[in-house]
Amino acid sequence: MIVGLNRVVSHAGKDYHLQVEDLGFEVAVFDVRAYDGGSLLWHKRMSYADLVQRALPREEAERELRAMMDKTLHTLEAAIVKGKLT
């Protein structure tokens, strides 16, 4: 289980806190949230059941999950910079 990743993105004079949190391999879901000044701006729950179904060794599955989570944060950051979530 990967606890989570956090990132702060500064855009147009604001700091956005981006957060992704793994809810565990048992449910195969992670939560993605974007906060603006402590207020929830955006939230989505992402499944990674397909990764779990591949039955990879734990270490490899965690590497792939971390890559998925990181890519999701990059996509969310790009959406903020493009003005899609502000």
Protein backbone atom coordinates (compact mmCIF):
# COMPACT_ATOMS: atom_id res chain seq x y z
CA MET A 1 0.00 0.00 0.00
CA ILE A 2 1.25 3.45 -0.91
CA VAL A 3 -0.02 5.95 1.62
CA GLY A 4 -0.18 8.90 -0.77
CA LEU A 5 1.49 11.69 -2.68
CA ASN A 6 1.15 15.44 -2.24
CA ARG A 7 2.11 18.38 -4.38
CA VAL A 8 1.60 22.13 -4.20
CA VAL A 9 1.00 23.90 -7.51
CA SER A 10 1.23 27.68 -7.75
CA HIS A 11 -0.80 29.28 -10.52
CA ALA A 12 -2.24 32.78 -11.02
CA GLY A 13 -1.26 33.85 -7.53
CA LYS A 14 -2.86 30.87 -5.79
CA ASP A 15 -1.40 27.73 -4.25
CA TYR A 16 -3.32 24.53 -4.93
CA HIS A 17 -2.70 21.48 -2.78
CA LEU A 18 -2.98 18.28 -4.80
CA GLN A 19 -3.31 15.01 -2.97
CA VAL A 20 -3.63 11.39 -3.95
CA GLU A 21 -4.28 8.70 -1.33
CA ASP A 22 -4.30 4.95 -1.81
CA LEU A 23 -7.22 3.21 -0.11
CA GLY A 24 -5.50 -0.19 -0.33
CA PHE A 25 -5.13 -3.15 -2.64
CA GLU A 26 -8.20 -4.75 -1.07
CA VAL A 27 -10.46 -2.10 -2.65
CA ALA A 28 -8.03 -1.20 -5.49
CA VAL A 29 -8.94 2.48 -5.44
CA PHE A 30 -7.15 5.75 -4.84
CA ASP A 31 -8.65 9.17 -4.11
CA VAL A 32 -7.45 12.28 -5.91
CA ARG A 33 -8.24 15.71 -4.49
CA ALA A 34 -7.39 19.32 -5.26
CA TYR A 35 -7.71 21.99 -2.59
CA ASP A 36 -7.78 25.75 -2.98
CA GLY A 37 -7.04 27.49 0.30
CA GLY A 38 -8.24 24.53 2.35
CA SER A 39 -11.51 24.16 0.41
CA LEU A 40 -12.06 21.07 -1.68
CA LEU A 41 -12.03 22.16 -5.31
CA TRP A 42 -12.15 18.77 -7.05
CA HIS A 43 -12.33 15.08 -6.11
CA LYS A 44 -12.26 11.82 -8.03
CA ARG A 45 -11.93 8.17 -7.04
CA MET A 46 -9.76 6.13 -9.42
CA SER A 47 -9.85 2.33 -9.70
CA TYR A 48 -6.76 0.25 -10.26
CA ALA A 49 -8.53 -3.12 -10.20
CA ASP A 50 -6.93 -4.01 -13.52
CA LEU A 51 -3.49 -3.70 -11.90
CA VAL A 52 -4.48 -5.95 -9.00
CA GLN A 53 -5.98 -8.53 -11.37
CA ARG A 54 -2.60 -8.89 -13.08
CA ALA A 55 -1.31 -10.47 -9.83
CA LEU A 56 2.13 -8.89 -10.08
CA PRO A 57 4.67 -9.30 -7.29
CA ARG A 58 3.86 -6.76 -4.56
CA GLU A 59 6.92 -4.58 -5.18
CA GLU A 60 6.23 -4.34 -8.93
CA ALA A 61 2.54 -3.61 -8.36
CA GLU A 62 3.44 -0.82 -5.94
CA ARG A 63 5.85 0.71 -8.48
CA GLU A 64 3.14 0.68 -11.15
CA LEU A 65 0.59 2.11 -8.73
CA ARG A 66 2.97 4.92 -7.73
CA ALA A 67 3.50 5.71 -11.44
CA MET A 68 -0.30 5.84 -11.97
CA MET A 69 -0.73 8.12 -8.98
CA ASP A 70 2.11 10.40 -10.09
CA LYS A 71 0.72 10.61 -13.64
CA THR A 72 -2.68 11.52 -12.23
CA LEU A 73 -1.12 14.37 -10.22
CA HIS A 74 0.67 15.62 -13.35
CA THR A 75 -2.61 15.57 -15.29
CA LEU A 76 -4.39 17.44 -12.50
CA GLU A 77 -1.58 20.00 -12.36
CA ALA A 78 -1.85 20.55 -16.13
CA ALA A 79 -5.63 21.06 -15.81
CA ILE A 80 -5.06 23.75 -13.18
CA VAL A 81 -2.43 25.52 -15.29
CA LYS A 82 -4.81 25.45 -18.29
CA GLY A 83 -7.54 26.99 -16.13
CA LYS A 84 -9.84 23.99 -16.23
CA LEU A 85 -10.24 23.68 -12.45
CA THR A 86 -9.84 27.25 -11.24
